[in-house]
């Protein structure tokens, strides 16, 4: 621990703004000394006490509930005092300043400050201390922030699972398997003179294969959990008047973007958050892509912004106009946009071709949902290699269910129920992929005609280190700093 981790801290633990209840939370050693000046009495542990919160002159700032959690039986593992007052911003700031003032006042017996060093908490410092004091591992600590930030019910449920330790338990099971394999390899290295083949007798190859299968299952659930937490950015692109803004409105089920028959109506980026089966999507409408003398300076800026958003998209909806499909000039412009999309986008980003205005040309309803579900499955990294175009009508809504399913397929959503997912972040996915790389390398080494046991042991060690980073059993201080700095102040 750093010196600052031993200093007592205080913060308003509820969100800014007015509310029925507001909480001021303190954590650290020696908090019992603040009870007399703040509350006028001592508190019974884990018992709700109603009474006044006292100002320096003994008058009541407010009346509320005080809770006392002596170490180690608290959220942070330290002494914790919580003051639940009315939720006015001015009142909470007065109560916060009173805590700092009471800490600096001289004790009547010793003449020394009651609680020297009490200071305002930094973002995430309460949860950081819970991690450092062994109350939570790193994956659980991150799940606290994910639960607070959850934008969908599915994301909240998966975060609650991770907070309860489900993700950590899965990682621990992988860790135990790795440790046992390392033990077998190290035993073979340490006792070469023994006429015992530890690896063959213990079925090391079979254990590695089972570990890899177990790892793939955890990785799949983690990847889905990361998708629930972070969502995906979908950019709607295409020529002017193809129906991009109408499609955004249809997906959002609201009049988010202005729709007119005039080409170039959308001149800036319009973004709307939606959900599909609990998966958050950030759908972005952009200016129509075109060149020519009729493009003015404002529209040119809008087109430049459109390409900027396209280049950072997780998926692109390339919208075509069915009513102009037979126009050679329109088809040529579409082909030019398609070529530029291929040039600007990474290969992993799927482009979904959507033919809009099916109702205007008397076309049959858009691709049947059953056909959409049978489209090419997502690859391991969430990429759809190819898929047939979709025909739909943004005006009538025909074909939208198929488009929603295609979007989920494009990012690799497999329809896991939230109860089976973990709240996860991209760093978790990356770490598990590193583990998988090392385990596969170990598997290849073991399968060789003359296994290089030193290299095999090293690959397993590297796999274990990558796995330990998930829960914080092994991690650099700068990683911890980045993680907890993104929490809110009172957490």
Protein backbone atom coordinates (compact mmCIF):
# COMPACT_ATOMS: atom_id res chain seq x y z
CA UNK A 1 0.00 0.00 0.00
CA UNK A 2 1.00 3.60 -0.60
CA UNK A 3 1.04 6.08 2.33
CA UNK A 4 -2.21 7.66 1.12
CA UNK A 5 -3.99 4.33 1.59
CA UNK A 6 -3.55 4.68 5.38
CA UNK A 7 -5.11 8.15 5.54
CA UNK A 8 -8.77 8.43 6.63
CA UNK A 9 -11.06 9.65 3.84
CA UNK A 10 -14.51 11.21 3.53
CA UNK A 11 -16.84 11.92 0.59
CA UNK A 12 -20.46 12.39 -0.40
CA UNK A 13 -21.41 8.91 -1.60
CA UNK A 14 -24.66 9.80 -3.39
CA UNK A 15 -25.06 11.34 -6.83
CA UNK A 16 -24.90 15.15 -7.25
CA UNK A 17 -28.21 16.98 -7.12
CA UNK A 18 -31.24 17.05 -4.89
CA UNK A 19 -32.71 13.87 -3.46
CA UNK A 20 -34.68 12.49 -0.55
CA UNK A 21 -31.56 11.02 1.05
CA UNK A 22 -27.87 11.87 0.79
CA UNK A 23 -24.98 9.91 2.30
CA UNK A 24 -21.65 11.12 3.63
CA UNK A 25 -19.22 8.20 4.00
CA UNK A 26 -16.00 8.04 6.01
CA UNK A 27 -13.41 5.25 6.01
CA UNK A 28 -10.14 4.77 7.90
CA UNK A 29 -8.66 4.09 11.30
CA UNK A 30 -9.85 5.91 14.42
CA UNK A 31 -13.23 7.09 13.18
CA UNK A 32 -14.80 6.39 16.60
CA UNK A 33 -13.20 9.61 17.85
CA UNK A 34 -15.53 11.62 15.56
CA UNK A 35 -18.75 10.24 17.03
CA UNK A 36 -18.98 12.56 20.07
CA UNK A 37 -18.50 15.86 18.16
CA UNK A 38 -20.63 14.76 15.17
CA UNK A 39 -23.35 12.72 16.87
CA UNK A 40 -23.10 13.43 20.58
CA UNK A 41 -22.77 9.73 21.45
CA UNK A 42 -21.09 6.46 20.54
CA UNK A 43 -22.75 4.04 18.13
CA UNK A 44 -23.52 0.35 18.33
CA UNK A 45 -21.92 -1.56 15.41
CA UNK A 46 -24.18 -2.31 12.46
CA UNK A 47 -27.19 -0.65 14.07
CA UNK A 48 -29.21 2.24 12.64
CA UNK A 49 -29.18 5.22 15.02
CA UNK A 50 -31.52 8.15 14.43
CA UNK A 51 -30.51 11.52 15.80
CA UNK A 52 -28.99 14.94 15.12
CA UNK A 53 -25.86 15.69 13.14
CA UNK A 54 -24.16 18.39 15.20
CA UNK A 55 -22.52 21.62 14.09
CA UNK A 56 -19.47 22.99 15.91
CA UNK A 57 -21.67 25.05 18.30
CA UNK A 58 -23.76 21.99 19.20
CA UNK A 59 -26.79 22.91 17.10
CA UNK A 60 -28.30 20.37 14.72
CA UNK A 61 -27.36 20.65 11.07
CA UNK A 62 -29.92 17.94 10.29
CA UNK A 63 -31.50 14.82 11.73
CA UNK A 64 -30.85 11.46 10.10
CA UNK A 65 -29.46 7.95 10.44
CA UNK A 66 -25.88 7.07 11.41
CA UNK A 67 -24.35 3.64 10.77
CA UNK A 68 -21.09 2.34 12.25
CA UNK A 69 -19.12 -0.55 10.74
CA UNK A 70 -15.92 -1.27 12.68
CA UNK A 71 -13.05 -2.97 10.82
CA UNK A 72 -12.74 -5.49 9.32
CA UNK A 73 -16.48 -6.03 8.88
CA UNK A 74 -17.15 -3.21 6.44
CA UNK A 75 -17.18 -2.49 2.72
CA UNK A 76 -13.59 -1.23 2.72
CA UNK A 77 -12.25 -3.52 5.45
CA UNK A 78 -11.53 -0.38 7.55
CA UNK A 79 -13.70 1.47 10.06
CA UNK A 80 -16.61 2.95 8.11
CA UNK A 81 -19.06 5.61 9.32
CA UNK A 82 -22.06 6.54 7.18
CA UNK A 83 -24.26 9.55 7.80
CA UNK A 84 -27.61 9.44 6.00
CA UNK A 85 -29.09 12.93 5.87
CA UNK A 86 -31.60 14.73 3.66
CA UNK A 87 -30.28 14.95 0.13
CA UNK A 88 -29.84 18.68 -0.40
CA UNK A 89 -26.51 19.58 -2.04
CA UNK A 90 -25.85 22.50 0.36
CA UNK A 91 -26.68 20.41 3.43
CA UNK A 92 -24.40 17.56 2.33
CA UNK A 93 -21.53 19.96 1.74
CA UNK A 94 -22.07 21.44 5.22
CA UNK A 95 -22.01 17.95 6.71
CA UNK A 96 -18.88 17.09 4.73
CA UNK A 97 -17.08 20.22 5.94
CA UNK A 98 -18.22 19.51 9.49
CA UNK A 99 -16.56 16.07 9.33
CA UNK A 100 -13.27 17.65 8.22
CA UNK A 101 -13.58 20.33 10.91
CA UNK A 102 -14.31 17.80 13.69
CA UNK A 103 -11.25 15.76 12.66
CA UNK A 104 -8.96 18.76 13.05
CA UNK A 105 -10.39 19.87 16.42
CA UNK A 106 -8.28 19.11 19.51
CA UNK A 107 -9.27 16.15 21.64
CA UNK A 108 -10.24 17.19 25.17
CA UNK A 109 -7.93 14.61 26.77
CA UNK A 110 -4.81 14.51 24.60
CA UNK A 111 -4.99 17.98 23.10
CA UNK A 112 -4.11 16.46 19.71
CA UNK A 113 -6.36 16.55 16.62
CA UNK A 114 -9.08 13.94 16.89
CA UNK A 115 -8.39 12.39 13.48
CA UNK A 116 -5.30 13.89 11.84
CA UNK A 117 -5.02 13.50 8.11
CA UNK A 118 -8.72 13.15 7.25
CA UNK A 119 -9.08 14.23 3.64
CA UNK A 120 -11.45 14.14 0.69
CA UNK A 121 -11.56 10.78 -1.08
CA UNK A 122 -10.31 10.40 -4.63
CA UNK A 123 -12.48 8.79 -7.33
CA UNK A 124 -12.96 5.10 -6.61
CA UNK A 125 -10.88 5.19 -3.42
CA UNK A 126 -13.44 3.41 -1.22
CA UNK A 127 -13.62 0.47 -3.63
CA UNK A 128 -9.85 0.59 -4.13
CA UNK A 129 -9.42 0.09 -0.40
CA UNK A 130 -11.91 -2.77 -0.46
CA UNK A 131 -9.67 -4.40 -3.09
CA UNK A 132 -6.44 -3.69 -1.23
CA UNK A 133 -7.88 -5.04 2.02
CA UNK A 134 -9.05 -8.26 0.38
CA UNK A 135 -12.80 -7.55 0.52
CA UNK A 136 -13.09 -7.70 -3.28
CA UNK A 137 -10.82 -8.93 -6.04
CA UNK A 138 -10.15 -6.71 -9.05
CA UNK A 139 -12.85 -8.26 -11.25
CA UNK A 140 -15.44 -7.72 -8.50
CA UNK A 141 -14.26 -4.15 -7.95
CA UNK A 142 -14.71 -3.37 -11.64
CA UNK A 143 -18.16 -4.98 -11.49
CA UNK A 144 -19.16 -2.36 -8.89
CA UNK A 145 -18.59 0.41 -11.45
CA UNK A 146 -20.25 -1.67 -14.18
CA UNK A 147 -23.37 -2.15 -12.04
CA UNK A 148 -23.60 1.59 -11.45
CA UNK A 149 -23.05 2.38 -15.15
CA UNK A 150 -25.28 -0.39 -16.55
CA UNK A 151 -27.49 0.96 -19.35
CA UNK A 152 -29.67 -2.14 -19.79
CA UNK A 153 -31.28 -4.72 -17.52
CA UNK A 154 -29.10 -7.45 -19.05
CA UNK A 155 -25.94 -5.44 -18.33
CA UNK A 156 -27.04 -4.89 -14.73
CA UNK A 157 -27.72 -8.60 -14.22
CA UNK A 158 -24.34 -9.61 -15.63
CA UNK A 159 -22.58 -7.01 -13.46
CA UNK A 160 -24.37 -8.37 -10.40
CA UNK A 161 -23.12 -11.86 -11.27
CA UNK A 162 -19.53 -10.64 -11.50
CA UNK A 163 -19.89 -8.71 -8.24
CA UNK A 164 -21.12 -11.87 -6.52
CA UNK A 165 -17.91 -13.59 -7.62
CA UNK A 166 -19.13 -15.73 -10.56
CA UNK A 167 -16.46 -14.39 -12.93
CA UNK A 168 -13.74 -14.69 -10.27
CA UNK A 169 -14.77 -18.29 -9.56
CA UNK A 170 -14.50 -19.18 -13.25
CA UNK A 171 -11.04 -17.57 -13.39
CA UNK A 172 -10.03 -19.38 -10.20
CA UNK A 173 -11.01 -22.73 -11.70
CA UNK A 174 -8.80 -21.99 -14.72
CA UNK A 175 -6.01 -20.91 -12.38
CA UNK A 176 -6.15 -24.16 -10.40
CA UNK A 177 -5.94 -26.22 -13.59
CA UNK A 178 -2.93 -24.22 -14.74
CA UNK A 179 -1.17 -24.56 -11.38
CA UNK A 180 -1.66 -28.32 -11.43
CA UNK A 181 -0.22 -28.56 -14.94
CA UNK A 182 2.76 -26.44 -13.93
CA UNK A 183 3.32 -28.74 -10.96
CA UNK A 184 3.47 -31.77 -13.25
CA UNK A 185 5.94 -30.12 -15.63
CA UNK A 186 8.13 -28.81 -12.79
CA UNK A 187 8.17 -32.27 -11.19
CA UNK A 188 9.39 -33.79 -14.45
CA UNK A 189 12.11 -31.12 -14.67
CA UNK A 190 13.18 -31.51 -11.02
CA UNK A 191 13.45 -35.32 -11.03
CA UNK A 192 14.78 -36.32 -14.46
CA UNK A 193 16.57 -39.35 -13.00
CA UNK A 194 13.33 -40.96 -11.80
CA UNK A 195 11.90 -43.61 -14.05
CA UNK A 196 8.48 -41.97 -13.87
CA UNK A 197 6.90 -39.97 -16.67
CA UNK A 198 4.78 -37.59 -14.67
CA UNK A 199 3.28 -35.95 -17.76
CA UNK A 200 2.17 -39.13 -19.48
CA UNK A 201 0.85 -40.84 -16.36
CA UNK A 202 -1.10 -37.74 -15.30
CA UNK A 203 -2.53 -37.31 -18.81
CA UNK A 204 -1.03 -33.83 -19.22
CA UNK A 205 -2.14 -33.67 -22.87
CA UNK A 206 -5.72 -34.46 -21.89
CA UNK A 207 -5.59 -31.88 -19.09
CA UNK A 208 -4.34 -29.24 -21.52
CA UNK A 209 -7.14 -30.05 -23.96
CA UNK A 210 -9.77 -29.81 -21.21
CA UNK A 211 -8.22 -26.56 -19.97
CA UNK A 212 -8.42 -25.11 -23.48
CA UNK A 213 -12.09 -26.10 -23.82
CA UNK A 214 -12.84 -24.59 -20.40
CA UNK A 215 -10.96 -21.44 -21.36
CA UNK A 216 -12.91 -21.10 -24.61
CA UNK A 217 -16.19 -21.27 -22.70
CA UNK A 218 -15.10 -18.57 -20.25
CA UNK A 219 -13.77 -16.44 -23.11
CA UNK A 220 -17.06 -16.69 -25.01
CA UNK A 221 -19.07 -15.62 -21.97
CA UNK A 222 -16.59 -12.84 -21.22
CA UNK A 223 -16.74 -11.54 -24.80
CA UNK A 224 -20.53 -11.43 -24.59
CA UNK A 225 -20.34 -9.67 -21.22
CA UNK A 226 -18.01 -7.03 -22.67
CA UNK A 227 -20.53 -6.46 -25.46
CA UNK A 228 -23.32 -5.96 -22.91
CA UNK A 229 -21.23 -3.44 -21.02
CA UNK A 230 -19.72 -1.45 -23.87
CA UNK A 231 -22.28 -1.93 -26.63
CA UNK A 232 -21.41 -1.28 -30.26
CA UNK A 233 -21.31 1.74 -32.54
CA UNK A 234 -23.31 1.30 -35.75
CA UNK A 235 -22.94 3.96 -38.44
CA UNK A 236 -25.63 4.40 -41.11
CA UNK A 237 -24.01 5.44 -44.39
CA UNK A 238 -25.04 5.85 -48.01
CA UNK A 239 -26.00 8.36 -50.66
CA UNK A 240 -28.36 11.26 -49.95
CA UNK A 241 -32.08 10.43 -49.80
CA UNK A 242 -31.50 6.68 -49.43
CA UNK A 243 -33.57 6.73 -46.23
CA UNK A 244 -30.77 6.76 -43.64
CA UNK A 245 -32.54 9.15 -41.27
CA UNK A 246 -35.81 7.25 -41.69
CA UNK A 247 -33.98 4.05 -40.78
CA UNK A 248 -32.53 5.67 -37.65
CA UNK A 249 -36.01 6.79 -36.62
CA UNK A 250 -37.40 3.32 -37.26
CA UNK A 251 -34.69 1.61 -35.21
CA UNK A 252 -35.07 4.16 -32.39
CA UNK A 253 -38.88 4.08 -32.64
CA UNK A 254 -38.83 7.87 -32.29
CA UNK A 255 -38.51 10.96 -34.50
CA UNK A 256 -34.83 11.50 -33.76
CA UNK A 257 -33.68 12.82 -37.14
CA UNK A 258 -35.34 15.25 -39.54
CA UNK A 259 -36.67 13.54 -42.67
CA UNK A 260 -37.48 15.49 -45.87
CA UNK A 261 -37.42 14.72 -49.62
CA UNK A 262 -34.63 17.30 -50.02
CA UNK A 263 -31.23 15.71 -50.66
CA UNK A 264 -28.62 16.59 -48.05
CA UNK A 265 -31.05 17.30 -45.20
CA UNK A 266 -28.74 15.60 -42.70
CA UNK A 267 -25.58 17.66 -42.50
CA UNK A 268 -24.21 16.61 -39.12
CA UNK A 269 -23.93 13.47 -37.04
CA UNK A 270 -27.11 12.35 -35.23
CA UNK A 271 -26.70 9.64 -32.59
CA UNK A 272 -29.27 7.61 -30.68
CA UNK A 273 -28.83 4.79 -28.16
CA UNK A 274 -31.12 1.77 -28.61
CA UNK A 275 -31.33 -1.79 -27.27
CA UNK A 276 -31.71 -5.08 -29.12
CA UNK A 277 -32.32 -8.06 -26.84
CA UNK A 278 -30.66 -6.13 -24.01
CA UNK A 279 -27.54 -5.31 -26.06
CA UNK A 280 -26.88 -1.53 -26.17
CA UNK A 281 -26.26 -0.08 -29.62
CA UNK A 282 -25.21 3.47 -30.44
CA UNK A 283 -26.74 4.11 -33.87
CA UNK A 284 -25.26 7.06 -35.76
CA UNK A 285 -26.90 8.75 -38.75
CA UNK A 286 -24.54 10.63 -41.05
CA UNK A 287 -24.65 13.03 -43.96
CA UNK A 288 -25.23 11.52 -47.40
CA UNK A 289 -22.00 10.64 -49.20
CA UNK A 290 -21.65 12.35 -52.56
CA UNK A 291 -19.35 14.52 -54.65
CA UNK A 292 -20.10 17.27 -57.10
CA UNK A 293 -20.57 20.97 -57.60
CA UNK A 294 -23.93 20.93 -55.80
CA UNK A 295 -22.24 20.11 -52.48
CA UNK A 296 -21.83 23.33 -50.44
CA UNK A 297 -19.26 23.95 -47.71
CA UNK A 298 -21.55 22.97 -44.83
CA UNK A 299 -22.49 19.67 -46.45
CA UNK A 300 -18.84 19.00 -47.28
CA UNK A 301 -17.98 19.30 -43.57
CA UNK A 302 -20.85 16.93 -42.77
CA UNK A 303 -19.53 14.37 -45.26
CA UNK A 304 -16.04 14.61 -43.74
CA UNK A 305 -17.53 13.97 -40.30
CA UNK A 306 -19.47 11.03 -41.70
CA UNK A 307 -16.26 9.38 -42.89
CA UNK A 308 -14.64 10.03 -39.50
CA UNK A 309 -17.48 8.16 -37.78
CA UNK A 310 -17.42 5.37 -40.36
CA UNK A 311 -13.72 4.77 -39.76
CA UNK A 312 -14.32 4.21 -36.01
CA UNK A 313 -17.49 2.11 -36.37
CA UNK A 314 -18.03 -1.41 -35.06
CA UNK A 315 -20.44 -2.05 -37.95
CA UNK A 316 -21.72 -0.07 -40.93
CA UNK A 317 -25.22 -0.12 -42.40
CA UNK A 318 -24.75 0.74 -46.08
CA UNK A 319 -28.21 1.96 -47.13
CA UNK A 320 -29.24 1.75 -50.81
CA UNK A 321 -32.35 3.16 -52.48
CA UNK A 322 -34.41 0.48 -54.24
CA UNK A 323 -36.31 3.10 -56.25
CA UNK A 324 -33.05 4.14 -57.94
CA UNK A 325 -31.48 0.70 -58.25
CA UNK A 326 -31.84 0.71 -62.07
CA UNK A 327 -30.21 4.15 -62.46
CA UNK A 328 -26.66 3.61 -63.83
CA UNK A 329 -25.35 6.84 -62.30
CA UNK A 330 -26.74 5.88 -58.88
CA UNK A 331 -25.28 2.36 -59.14
CA UNK A 332 -21.90 3.79 -60.11
CA UNK A 333 -21.90 6.13 -57.11
CA UNK A 334 -22.87 3.23 -54.83
CA UNK A 335 -19.99 1.18 -56.19
CA UNK A 336 -17.57 4.05 -55.52
CA UNK A 337 -18.78 4.33 -51.91
CA UNK A 338 -18.46 0.55 -51.46
CA UNK A 339 -14.87 0.65 -52.74
CA UNK A 340 -13.99 3.49 -50.36
CA UNK A 341 -15.59 1.62 -47.45
CA UNK A 342 -13.39 -1.38 -48.19
CA UNK A 343 -10.32 0.86 -48.35
CA UNK A 344 -11.03 2.77 -45.13
CA UNK A 345 -12.44 0.05 -42.87
CA UNK A 346 -10.49 -2.73 -41.13
CA UNK A 347 -11.36 -6.19 -42.40
CA UNK A 348 -12.96 -7.07 -39.05
CA UNK A 349 -15.68 -4.38 -39.39
CA UNK A 350 -18.81 -5.80 -41.05
CA UNK A 351 -20.67 -3.81 -43.69
CA UNK A 352 -24.35 -4.73 -43.94
CA UNK A 353 -26.02 -3.84 -47.25
CA UNK A 354 -29.58 -2.59 -46.69
CA UNK A 355 -31.93 -1.91 -49.62
CA UNK A 356 -34.52 0.55 -48.37
CA UNK A 357 -37.93 1.70 -49.72
CA UNK A 358 -39.13 -1.81 -50.53
CA UNK A 359 -42.71 -0.58 -50.09
CA UNK A 360 -42.26 2.09 -52.79
CA UNK A 361 -41.36 -0.40 -55.52
CA UNK A 362 -43.92 -3.05 -54.61
CA UNK A 363 -41.18 -5.45 -53.55
CA UNK A 364 -41.95 -8.35 -51.29
CA UNK A 365 -41.43 -7.80 -47.62
CA UNK A 366 -37.85 -7.70 -46.48
CA UNK A 367 -35.82 -10.79 -45.84
CA UNK A 368 -37.76 -13.18 -43.67
CA UNK A 369 -36.60 -13.41 -40.06
CA UNK A 370 -35.88 -17.10 -40.47
CA UNK A 371 -33.55 -16.35 -43.37
CA UNK A 372 -31.81 -13.64 -41.35
CA UNK A 373 -31.18 -16.06 -38.51
CA UNK A 374 -29.69 -18.51 -41.00
CA UNK A 375 -27.22 -15.92 -42.33
CA UNK A 376 -23.50 -16.68 -41.93
CA UNK A 377 -22.64 -17.06 -38.26
CA UNK A 378 -20.27 -14.63 -36.58
CA UNK A 379 -16.64 -15.63 -36.47
CA UNK A 380 -14.73 -15.99 -33.20
CA UNK A 381 -13.76 -12.32 -33.17
CA UNK A 382 -17.25 -11.06 -33.95
CA UNK A 383 -16.83 -10.65 -37.72
CA UNK A 384 -19.38 -11.64 -40.32
CA UNK A 385 -17.45 -12.60 -43.42
CA UNK A 386 -20.34 -12.16 -45.85
CA UNK A 387 -24.10 -11.98 -45.75
CA UNK A 388 -26.88 -11.44 -48.28
CA UNK A 389 -28.31 -7.91 -48.56
CA UNK A 390 -31.48 -7.04 -46.65
CA UNK A 391 -34.57 -5.56 -48.28
CA UNK A 392 -36.72 -3.48 -45.98
CA UNK A 393 -38.94 -0.46 -45.60
CA UNK A 394 -38.01 2.07 -42.93
CA UNK A 395 -41.44 3.67 -43.46
CA UNK A 396 -43.57 0.57 -42.81
CA UNK A 397 -41.11 -1.32 -40.60
CA UNK A 398 -41.09 -4.39 -42.83
CA UNK A 399 -37.77 -6.18 -42.51
CA UNK A 400 -36.60 -4.39 -39.34
CA UNK A 401 -36.70 -7.59 -37.19
CA UNK A 402 -34.34 -9.24 -39.67
CA UNK A 403 -32.03 -6.22 -39.58
CA UNK A 404 -31.92 -6.29 -35.78
CA UNK A 405 -30.92 -9.96 -35.85
CA UNK A 406 -28.24 -9.24 -38.45
CA UNK A 407 -26.78 -6.48 -36.29
CA UNK A 408 -26.51 -8.88 -33.34
CA UNK A 409 -24.83 -11.47 -35.56
CA UNK A 410 -22.42 -8.85 -36.87
CA UNK A 411 -20.92 -8.28 -33.42
CA UNK A 412 -20.94 -11.92 -32.37
CA UNK A 413 -23.93 -11.91 -30.02
CA UNK A 414 -24.91 -15.53 -29.46
CA UNK A 415 -27.98 -14.97 -27.33
CA UNK A 416 -26.61 -16.05 -23.96
CA UNK A 417 -29.09 -15.31 -21.19
CA UNK A 418 -27.88 -12.57 -18.82
CA UNK A 419 -27.83 -15.14 -16.02
CA UNK A 420 -25.00 -16.95 -17.82
CA UNK A 421 -22.85 -13.92 -18.58
CA UNK A 422 -20.17 -12.01 -16.73
CA UNK A 423 -19.78 -8.27 -16.66
CA UNK A 424 -16.50 -7.86 -18.49
CA UNK A 425 -14.26 -5.30 -20.11
CA UNK A 426 -12.03 -5.40 -23.14
CA UNK A 427 -8.98 -5.85 -20.89
CA UNK A 428 -10.54 -9.08 -19.58
CA UNK A 429 -11.09 -10.34 -23.13
CA UNK A 430 -7.52 -9.41 -24.10
CA UNK A 431 -6.06 -11.14 -21.03
CA UNK A 432 -7.99 -14.35 -21.70
CA UNK A 433 -6.84 -14.30 -25.31
CA UNK A 434 -3.26 -14.05 -24.08
CA UNK A 435 -3.87 -17.03 -21.81
CA UNK A 436 -5.27 -18.96 -24.76
CA UNK A 437 -2.23 -18.13 -26.90
CA UNK A 438 0.15 -19.46 -24.24
CA UNK A 439 -1.94 -22.58 -23.58
CA UNK A 440 -2.04 -23.38 -27.31
CA UNK A 441 1.75 -22.91 -27.49
CA UNK A 442 2.14 -25.29 -24.55
CA UNK A 443 -0.12 -27.80 -26.28
CA UNK A 444 2.03 -27.71 -29.42
CA UNK A 445 5.21 -28.13 -27.40
CA UNK A 446 3.80 -31.11 -25.52
CA UNK A 447 2.65 -32.76 -28.75
CA UNK A 448 6.14 -32.59 -30.28
CA UNK A 449 8.32 -35.71 -30.64
CA UNK A 450 10.73 -34.47 -27.97
CA UNK A 451 8.91 -31.98 -25.71
CA UNK A 452 11.02 -29.03 -24.61
CA UNK A 453 9.98 -29.06 -20.97
CA UNK A 454 11.67 -25.75 -20.11
CA UNK A 455 9.73 -23.96 -22.86
CA UNK A 456 6.55 -25.78 -21.86
CA UNK A 457 6.98 -24.62 -18.25
CA UNK A 458 7.58 -21.05 -19.40
CA UNK A 459 4.41 -20.96 -21.54
CA UNK A 460 2.35 -22.21 -18.61
CA UNK A 461 3.94 -19.61 -16.33
CA UNK A 462 3.10 -16.82 -18.77
CA UNK A 463 -0.46 -18.12 -19.06
CA UNK A 464 -0.81 -18.06 -15.28
CA UNK A 465 0.50 -14.50 -15.07
CA UNK A 466 -1.95 -13.29 -17.74
CA UNK A 467 -4.79 -15.00 -15.89
CA UNK A 468 -3.78 -13.48 -12.55
CA UNK A 469 -4.12 -9.97 -13.99
CA UNK A 470 -7.88 -10.47 -14.24
CA UNK A 471 -8.48 -10.58 -10.49
CA UNK A 472 -5.53 -8.46 -9.41
CA UNK A 473 -3.45 -11.28 -7.97
CA UNK A 474 -0.75 -9.89 -10.24
CA UNK A 475 -0.92 -6.35 -11.59
CA UNK A 476 1.03 -3.13 -11.89
CA UNK A 477 0.15 -0.09 -9.78
CA UNK A 478 -0.50 1.99 -12.89
CA UNK A 479 -3.17 -0.51 -14.04
CA UNK A 480 -4.92 -0.20 -10.67
CA UNK A 481 -4.73 3.58 -10.87
CA UNK A 482 -6.40 3.67 -14.29
CA UNK A 483 -9.19 1.33 -13.18
CA UNK A 484 -10.17 3.09 -9.96
CA UNK A 485 -9.78 6.63 -11.31
CA UNK A 486 -12.88 6.05 -13.45
CA UNK A 487 -15.14 5.43 -10.43
CA UNK A 488 -17.34 8.12 -8.92
CA UNK A 489 -15.96 9.98 -5.88
CA UNK A 490 -18.09 8.32 -3.18
CA UNK A 491 -17.43 4.78 -4.37
